[in-house]
């Protein structure tokens, strides 16, 4: 606009050579400043490249961070490519002082390379960008694996997530990265994120039993029991022989109080694994809770057969007989005083039941001498059965 004004002035006003020269000098100076400014920013980018090449990463970082702010270089993919390279080199440096130059250099490198890819419409730098993205994926996986192994799940989440995002940027789906984002989120009690990523893996058709187990658990954390059951049913259909999914299904029925379904699941599990004492014990407990003491004792006994040191199974069998003895004694105590013969008969039955309890209570006490409940039950049995020698030995322990 200023140039047109100058021409107008030349036509309409008397010629003044000095004034013309002043305006011309001003115009040229302004144009020169613009050109110098643009070149200065390109020089910043070039300097950043050279500093990076020479391993002077602090200077390289400073120069490139200036270059990305200027309008002449901010939309140039080369600028962002250089920035991605510089921050990648900072991230992988063995020098802790260099790695400390930026808070999260690997993340900055990714964001820079992502920007470079977006701006590189012609694909001029596609090869270099892809190479650094591959290197970054390996770096993120290494960092994430270390964090996950150390149970630092909060830290592992973004590291696995960046590996996932790199694949996504290249039009791929990284099943493993998505899975471990979900797993890390689950163990970090982040149900929303766990569900989000485990659903991605589930929807992809990934058929590892673990995905059904933990996607189900994440859904339960969010209170979606119906969908959790559906996920497990799908897992069971795809992996009919898998025991862990069967047990996971049993756990849901246990939590919902659906005893018949729970018992059916446990029996299927036992059929697949006859060496698991816990399955027998849990099945026995379901019968015990519903008052079916015959079936309860049957499966508790199987649990002790498979695992001869199963303290809880021995104690629970003993408790069945102790409770039967208590029931007989309660009946006897409710009789009128003149029913002496019936009273004695009921008390004999009570003592018989208590006698049956002894070997199981004694075994449980042998396995866990510190358990006070077992100790007191055994002591009371010795007192009622007038087994003074055993009572004395028990008290002297």
Protein backbone atom coordinates (compact mmCIF):
# COMPACT_ATOMS: atom_id res chain seq x y z
CA UNK A 1 0.00 0.00 0.00
CA UNK A 2 2.86 2.34 0.88
CA UNK A 3 4.36 1.86 -2.60
CA UNK A 4 1.16 3.15 -4.27
CA UNK A 5 1.11 6.21 -2.07
CA UNK A 6 4.66 6.98 -3.08
CA UNK A 7 3.77 6.86 -6.81
CA UNK A 8 0.73 9.04 -6.24
CA UNK A 9 2.91 11.56 -4.49
CA UNK A 10 5.42 11.59 -7.31
CA UNK A 11 2.67 12.48 -9.80
CA UNK A 12 0.78 15.01 -7.76
CA UNK A 13 3.58 16.82 -5.93
CA UNK A 14 6.69 18.66 -7.08
CA UNK A 15 9.66 16.36 -7.41
CA UNK A 16 11.93 16.39 -4.36
CA UNK A 17 14.96 14.18 -4.94
CA UNK A 18 16.00 14.12 -1.29
CA UNK A 19 12.55 13.03 -0.17
CA UNK A 20 12.44 10.29 -2.81
CA UNK A 21 15.80 8.95 -1.71
CA UNK A 22 14.75 8.89 1.95
CA UNK A 23 11.61 6.94 1.17
CA UNK A 24 13.44 4.57 -1.12
CA UNK A 25 16.08 3.86 1.51
CA UNK A 26 13.36 3.26 4.10
CA UNK A 27 11.55 0.85 1.81
CA UNK A 28 14.70 -1.09 0.95
CA UNK A 29 15.74 -1.24 4.60
CA UNK A 30 12.37 -2.64 5.60
CA UNK A 31 12.53 -5.27 2.83
CA UNK A 32 16.03 -6.19 3.86
CA UNK A 33 14.96 -6.67 7.49
CA UNK A 34 12.22 -9.04 6.41
CA UNK A 35 14.65 -11.04 4.29
CA UNK A 36 17.24 -11.09 7.08
CA UNK A 37 14.64 -12.19 9.62
CA UNK A 38 13.54 -15.10 7.43
CA UNK A 39 17.13 -16.09 6.79
CA UNK A 40 17.88 -15.79 10.50
CA UNK A 41 15.17 -18.31 11.31
CA UNK A 42 16.41 -20.67 8.60
CA UNK A 43 19.89 -20.18 10.04
CA UNK A 44 18.48 -21.14 13.46
CA UNK A 45 17.19 -24.36 11.95
CA UNK A 46 20.50 -24.97 10.18
CA UNK A 47 22.38 -24.24 13.40
CA UNK A 48 20.13 -26.66 15.25
CA UNK A 49 20.91 -29.32 12.66
CA UNK A 50 24.68 -28.74 13.01
CA UNK A 51 24.57 -28.63 16.80
CA UNK A 52 22.64 -31.90 16.79
CA UNK A 53 25.14 -33.47 14.39
CA UNK A 54 28.00 -32.43 16.67
CA UNK A 55 26.28 -33.70 19.81
CA UNK A 56 25.72 -30.23 21.25
CA UNK A 57 22.15 -31.00 22.23
CA UNK A 58 21.53 -28.09 24.61
CA UNK A 59 22.34 -25.59 21.84
CA UNK A 60 20.47 -27.67 19.27
CA UNK A 61 17.36 -27.72 21.47
CA UNK A 62 17.51 -23.98 22.07
CA UNK A 63 17.92 -23.18 18.35
CA UNK A 64 15.18 -25.52 17.11
CA UNK A 65 12.70 -24.33 19.73
CA UNK A 66 13.17 -20.82 18.41
CA UNK A 67 12.77 -21.97 14.81
CA UNK A 68 9.38 -23.62 15.46
CA UNK A 69 7.96 -20.34 16.75
CA UNK A 70 8.66 -18.21 13.70
CA UNK A 71 6.12 -17.88 10.90
CA UNK A 72 8.77 -18.53 8.24
CA UNK A 73 9.72 -21.95 9.59
CA UNK A 74 6.82 -23.05 11.78
CA UNK A 75 4.96 -24.70 8.89
CA UNK A 76 8.00 -26.31 7.30
CA UNK A 77 8.09 -30.11 7.88
CA UNK A 78 11.89 -30.00 7.91
CA UNK A 79 11.80 -27.84 11.06
CA UNK A 80 9.69 -30.38 12.92
CA UNK A 81 11.70 -33.31 11.59
CA UNK A 82 14.90 -31.77 12.97
CA UNK A 83 13.16 -31.14 16.27
CA UNK A 84 12.03 -34.77 16.43
CA UNK A 85 15.58 -35.96 15.75
CA UNK A 86 17.11 -33.64 18.36
CA UNK A 87 14.73 -34.64 21.13
CA UNK A 88 15.07 -38.31 20.22
CA UNK A 89 18.84 -38.05 20.64
CA UNK A 90 18.33 -36.34 23.99
CA UNK A 91 15.96 -39.13 25.08
CA UNK A 92 18.38 -41.96 24.23
CA UNK A 93 21.54 -40.27 25.50
CA UNK A 94 23.50 -42.20 28.11
CA UNK A 95 24.44 -38.90 29.73
CA UNK A 96 21.94 -38.16 32.51
CA UNK A 97 22.68 -34.43 32.25
CA UNK A 98 21.65 -34.47 28.58
CA UNK A 99 18.49 -36.47 29.29
CA UNK A 100 17.64 -33.90 31.94
CA UNK A 101 17.57 -31.10 29.34
CA UNK A 102 13.87 -31.81 28.73
CA UNK A 103 11.16 -33.20 30.99
CA UNK A 104 9.96 -35.86 28.55
CA UNK A 105 12.15 -35.73 25.43
CA UNK A 106 10.72 -38.92 23.89
CA UNK A 107 7.19 -37.53 24.03
CA UNK A 108 8.35 -34.21 22.54
CA UNK A 109 10.12 -36.13 19.79
CA UNK A 110 6.92 -38.00 18.96
CA UNK A 111 4.79 -34.85 18.85
CA UNK A 112 7.39 -33.17 16.62
CA UNK A 113 7.56 -36.08 14.19
CA UNK A 114 3.77 -36.25 14.14
CA UNK A 115 3.70 -32.55 13.18
CA UNK A 116 6.34 -33.12 10.50
CA UNK A 117 4.27 -35.94 9.01
CA UNK A 118 1.15 -33.75 8.98
CA UNK A 119 2.99 -30.93 7.18
CA UNK A 120 4.86 -33.17 4.73
CA UNK A 121 2.05 -33.35 2.16
CA UNK A 122 4.42 -34.44 -0.62
CA UNK A 123 6.02 -37.17 1.49
CA UNK A 124 9.49 -35.70 0.96
CA UNK A 125 10.64 -36.75 4.43
CA UNK A 126 8.53 -39.87 4.84
CA UNK A 127 11.52 -42.22 5.05
CA UNK A 128 13.30 -40.23 7.76
CA UNK A 129 10.11 -39.68 9.75
CA UNK A 130 9.24 -43.38 9.63
CA UNK A 131 12.74 -44.39 10.74
CA UNK A 132 12.60 -42.19 13.81
CA UNK A 133 9.06 -43.32 14.63
CA UNK A 134 10.24 -46.94 14.57
CA UNK A 135 13.14 -46.04 16.86
CA UNK A 136 10.75 -44.21 19.18
CA UNK A 137 8.44 -47.22 19.32
CA UNK A 138 11.32 -49.38 20.51
CA UNK A 139 12.26 -46.75 23.08
CA UNK A 140 8.72 -46.44 24.43
CA UNK A 141 8.38 -50.21 24.64
CA UNK A 142 11.63 -50.48 26.56
CA UNK A 143 10.66 -47.75 29.03
CA UNK A 144 7.13 -49.11 29.42
CA UNK A 145 8.32 -52.67 29.99
CA UNK A 146 10.69 -51.51 32.74
CA UNK A 147 7.91 -49.54 34.42
CA UNK A 148 5.46 -52.43 34.15
CA UNK A 149 7.93 -54.94 35.56
CA UNK A 150 8.59 -52.59 38.47
CA UNK A 151 4.81 -52.32 39.03
CA UNK A 152 4.90 -48.59 38.30
CA UNK A 153 1.70 -48.86 36.31
CA UNK A 154 0.90 -45.14 36.34
CA UNK A 155 4.18 -44.46 34.58
CA UNK A 156 3.76 -47.38 32.18
CA UNK A 157 0.39 -46.13 30.88
CA UNK A 158 1.62 -43.14 28.78
CA UNK A 159 4.71 -45.05 27.62
CA UNK A 160 2.65 -47.91 26.19
CA UNK A 161 0.12 -45.37 24.93
CA UNK A 162 2.76 -43.53 22.88
CA UNK A 163 3.76 -46.82 21.24
CA UNK A 164 0.10 -47.33 20.40
CA UNK A 165 -0.24 -43.79 19.00
CA UNK A 166 2.79 -44.22 16.76
CA UNK A 167 1.22 -47.29 15.17
CA UNK A 168 -2.08 -45.43 14.85
CA UNK A 169 -0.30 -42.51 13.18
CA UNK A 170 0.99 -44.93 10.55
CA UNK A 171 -2.43 -46.48 10.00
CA UNK A 172 -1.74 -49.62 12.07
CA UNK A 173 -3.26 -51.19 15.18
CA UNK A 174 -0.70 -52.22 17.80
CA UNK A 175 -2.52 -54.96 19.69
CA UNK A 176 0.22 -55.48 22.28
CA UNK A 177 0.55 -51.78 23.09
CA UNK A 178 -3.23 -51.40 23.43
CA UNK A 179 -3.39 -54.50 25.62
CA UNK A 180 -0.72 -53.24 28.00
CA UNK A 181 -2.18 -49.76 28.20
CA UNK A 182 -5.37 -51.48 29.37
CA UNK A 183 -3.55 -53.79 31.76
CA UNK A 184 -1.49 -50.94 33.25
CA UNK A 185 -4.64 -48.87 33.67
CA UNK A 186 -6.41 -51.80 35.34
CA UNK A 187 -3.65 -52.29 37.88
CA UNK A 188 -3.55 -48.53 38.44
CA UNK A 189 -7.31 -48.64 39.25
CA UNK A 190 -8.14 -46.51 36.22
CA UNK A 191 -11.27 -48.39 35.14
CA UNK A 192 -12.28 -45.98 32.37
CA UNK A 193 -8.95 -46.16 30.55
CA UNK A 194 -8.63 -49.90 31.14
CA UNK A 195 -12.06 -50.51 29.63
CA UNK A 196 -11.34 -48.21 26.68
CA UNK A 197 -8.16 -49.98 25.59
CA UNK A 198 -9.12 -53.54 26.50
CA UNK A 199 -12.29 -53.07 24.46
CA UNK A 200 -10.14 -52.10 21.47
CA UNK A 201 -8.22 -55.36 21.83
CA UNK A 202 -11.41 -57.37 22.42
CA UNK A 203 -13.08 -55.84 19.35
CA UNK A 204 -10.01 -56.62 17.23
CA UNK A 205 -10.62 -60.35 17.73
CA UNK A 206 -7.44 -60.91 19.75
CA UNK A 207 -8.03 -64.37 21.25
CA UNK A 208 -5.78 -64.60 24.28
CA UNK A 209 -7.75 -65.74 27.39
CA UNK A 210 -6.16 -62.96 29.41
CA UNK A 211 -8.04 -60.28 27.46
CA UNK A 212 -11.39 -61.78 28.43
CA UNK A 213 -10.35 -62.07 32.07
CA UNK A 214 -9.17 -58.50 32.50
CA UNK A 215 -11.72 -56.83 30.23
CA UNK A 216 -14.35 -58.58 32.32
CA UNK A 217 -12.76 -57.32 35.53
CA UNK A 218 -12.48 -53.77 34.21
CA UNK A 219 -16.17 -53.84 33.29
CA UNK A 220 -17.03 -55.07 36.78
CA UNK A 221 -15.00 -52.19 38.23
CA UNK A 222 -17.34 -49.90 36.32
CA UNK A 223 -20.37 -51.83 37.53
CA UNK A 224 -21.29 -53.33 34.15
CA UNK A 225 -21.78 -56.93 35.29
CA UNK A 226 -24.03 -57.86 32.38
CA UNK A 227 -21.40 -56.92 29.79
CA UNK A 228 -18.71 -58.61 31.91
CA UNK A 229 -20.61 -61.90 31.74
CA UNK A 230 -21.05 -61.50 27.98
CA UNK A 231 -17.31 -61.01 27.55
CA UNK A 232 -16.58 -64.16 29.56
CA UNK A 233 -19.13 -66.18 27.62
CA UNK A 234 -17.46 -65.10 24.38
CA UNK A 235 -14.11 -66.10 25.84
CA UNK A 236 -15.47 -69.47 26.92
CA UNK A 237 -16.92 -70.11 23.46
CA UNK A 238 -13.59 -69.31 21.82
CA UNK A 239 -11.53 -71.14 24.45
CA UNK A 240 -13.73 -73.95 25.81
CA UNK A 241 -10.85 -75.77 27.49
CA UNK A 242 -9.42 -72.76 29.31
CA UNK A 243 -9.65 -73.18 33.08
CA UNK A 244 -8.92 -69.57 34.04
CA UNK A 245 -11.97 -68.30 32.15
CA UNK A 246 -14.13 -70.95 33.77
CA UNK A 247 -12.96 -69.85 37.21
CA UNK A 248 -13.52 -66.23 36.29
CA UNK A 249 -17.08 -67.08 35.35
CA UNK A 250 -17.49 -68.92 38.67
CA UNK A 251 -16.29 -65.81 40.48
CA UNK A 252 -19.07 -63.74 38.93
CA UNK A 253 -21.70 -66.29 39.96
CA UNK A 254 -20.21 -66.29 43.47
CA UNK A 255 -20.44 -62.50 43.68
CA UNK A 256 -24.01 -62.55 42.39
CA UNK A 257 -25.07 -65.35 44.73
CA UNK A 258 -26.14 -67.63 41.86
CA UNK A 259 -25.19 -70.86 43.66
CA UNK A 260 -26.41 -73.40 41.12
CA UNK A 261 -24.55 -71.76 38.27
CA UNK A 262 -21.49 -71.44 40.48
CA UNK A 263 -21.59 -75.14 41.38
CA UNK A 264 -21.99 -76.11 37.73
CA UNK A 265 -18.99 -73.99 36.76
CA UNK A 266 -16.87 -75.44 39.55
CA UNK A 267 -17.74 -79.01 38.59
CA UNK A 268 -16.72 -78.25 35.00
CA UNK A 269 -13.48 -76.78 36.32
CA UNK A 270 -12.80 -79.87 38.44
CA UNK A 271 -13.39 -82.08 35.41
CA UNK A 272 -10.64 -80.14 33.61
CA UNK A 273 -8.26 -80.03 36.57
CA UNK A 274 -8.65 -82.78 39.17
CA UNK A 275 -5.46 -81.71 40.95
CA UNK A 276 -6.72 -78.31 42.13
CA UNK A 277 -7.66 -78.62 45.81
CA UNK A 278 -9.05 -75.10 45.89
CA UNK A 279 -11.79 -76.05 43.42
CA UNK A 280 -12.95 -78.91 45.63
CA UNK A 281 -12.86 -76.69 48.70
CA UNK A 282 -14.82 -73.88 47.06
CA UNK A 283 -17.43 -76.32 45.78
CA UNK A 284 -17.70 -77.83 49.26
CA UNK A 285 -18.15 -74.37 50.71
CA UNK A 286 -21.10 -73.63 48.38
CA UNK A 287 -22.86 -76.77 49.66
CA UNK A 288 -21.90 -75.95 53.23
CA UNK A 289 -23.42 -72.48 52.95
CA UNK A 290 -26.72 -73.85 51.66
CA UNK A 291 -26.91 -76.47 54.42
CA UNK A 292 -26.06 -79.57 52.38
CA UNK A 293 -23.50 -80.99 54.81
CA UNK A 294 -23.18 -84.36 53.07
CA UNK A 295 -22.02 -82.83 49.78
CA UNK A 296 -19.96 -80.27 51.68
CA UNK A 297 -18.02 -82.96 53.54
CA UNK A 298 -17.58 -84.93 50.32
CA UNK A 299 -15.80 -82.07 48.55
CA UNK A 300 -13.88 -80.92 51.62
CA UNK A 301 -12.55 -84.47 51.91
CA UNK A 302 -11.51 -84.40 48.25
CA UNK A 303 -9.67 -81.17 48.94
CA UNK A 304 -7.66 -82.85 51.73
CA UNK A 305 -6.96 -85.82 49.47
CA UNK A 306 -5.45 -83.57 46.82
CA UNK A 307 -3.72 -81.36 49.37
CA UNK A 308 -3.05 -83.18 52.68
CA UNK A 309 -2.05 -79.86 54.29
CA UNK A 310 -5.24 -77.95 53.50
CA UNK A 311 -5.91 -76.43 56.93
CA UNK A 312 -9.27 -74.81 56.09
CA UNK A 313 -10.69 -78.03 54.63
CA UNK A 314 -9.85 -80.03 57.78
CA UNK A 315 -11.26 -77.33 60.02
CA UNK A 316 -14.50 -77.06 58.02
CA UNK A 317 -15.12 -80.82 58.22
CA UNK A 318 -14.53 -80.67 61.96
CA UNK A 319 -16.90 -77.71 62.19
CA UNK A 320 -19.64 -79.73 60.45
CA UNK A 321 -19.52 -82.36 63.21
CA UNK A 322 -19.19 -79.77 65.98
CA UNK A 323 -22.33 -78.05 64.70
CA UNK A 324 -24.18 -81.37 64.53
CA UNK A 325 -23.17 -82.02 68.13
CA UNK A 326 -24.42 -78.57 69.13
CA UNK A 327 -27.78 -79.26 67.45
CA UNK A 328 -28.21 -82.54 69.36
CA UNK A 329 -27.26 -80.89 72.62
CA UNK A 330 -29.71 -78.04 71.98
CA UNK A 331 -32.50 -80.60 71.47
CA UNK A 332 -31.54 -82.32 74.72
CA UNK A 333 -31.55 -79.06 76.65
CA UNK A 334 -35.05 -78.25 75.40
CA UNK A 335 -36.52 -81.47 76.84
CA UNK A 336 -38.62 -81.46 80.03
CA UNK A 337 -36.78 -82.59 83.16
CA UNK A 338 -38.63 -85.91 83.29
CA UNK A 339 -37.39 -86.98 79.83
CA UNK A 340 -34.16 -88.37 81.24
CA UNK A 341 -33.84 -91.31 78.86
CA UNK A 342 -34.37 -89.15 75.77
CA UNK A 343 -31.97 -86.56 77.14
CA UNK A 344 -29.22 -89.12 77.64
CA UNK A 345 -29.79 -90.51 74.16
CA UNK A 346 -29.46 -87.06 72.55
CA UNK A 347 -26.35 -86.27 74.59
CA UNK A 348 -24.78 -89.59 73.50
CA UNK A 349 -25.50 -88.60 69.90
CA UNK A 350 -23.97 -85.17 70.50
CA UNK A 351 -20.84 -86.73 71.95
CA UNK A 352 -20.64 -89.17 69.03
CA UNK A 353 -20.72 -86.26 66.59
CA UNK A 354 -18.10 -84.42 68.63
CA UNK A 355 -15.89 -87.51 68.61
CA UNK A 356 -16.10 -87.56 64.81
CA UNK A 357 -14.92 -83.95 64.75
CA UNK A 358 -11.78 -84.62 66.80
CA UNK A 359 -9.41 -86.03 64.12
CA UNK A 360 -10.18 -83.13 61.80
CA UNK A 361 -9.78 -80.48 64.49
CA UNK A 362 -6.56 -82.11 65.69
CA UNK A 363 -5.17 -82.17 62.15
CA UNK A 364 -6.14 -78.54 61.62
CA UNK A 365 -4.43 -77.62 64.92
CA UNK A 366 -1.34 -79.57 63.87
CA UNK A 367 -1.19 -77.62 60.60
CA UNK A 368 -1.83 -74.23 62.22
CA UNK A 369 -1.09 -74.25 65.97
CA UNK A 370 -1.48 -70.47 66.16
CA UNK A 371 -5.14 -70.48 65.12
CA UNK A 372 -7.12 -69.58 68.26
CA UNK A 373 -10.50 -70.66 66.92
CA UNK A 374 -9.27 -74.20 66.26
CA UNK A 375 -7.51 -74.28 69.63
CA UNK A 376 -10.67 -73.27 71.53
CA UNK A 377 -12.89 -75.70 69.58
CA UNK A 378 -10.51 -78.56 70.33
CA UNK A 379 -10.24 -77.56 73.99
CA UNK A 380 -14.03 -77.50 74.40
CA UNK A 381 -14.34 -80.92 72.74
CA UNK A 382 -11.76 -82.43 75.15
CA UNK A 383 -13.62 -80.93 78.13
CA UNK A 384 -17.02 -82.25 77.06
CA UNK A 385 -15.65 -85.70 76.20
CA UNK A 386 -13.68 -85.78 79.47
CA UNK A 387 -10.40 -86.37 77.62
CA UNK A 388 -8.28 -84.96 80.43
CA UNK A 389 -4.89 -86.18 79.26
CA UNK A 390 -5.32 -84.57 75.84
CA UNK A 391 -6.71 -81.41 77.45
CA UNK A 392 -3.63 -81.19 79.68
CA UNK A 393 -1.26 -81.68 76.76
CA UNK A 394 -3.12 -79.03 74.77
CA UNK A 395 -2.94 -76.51 77.61
CA UNK A 396 0.79 -77.15 78.02
CA UNK A 397 1.63 -76.31 74.43
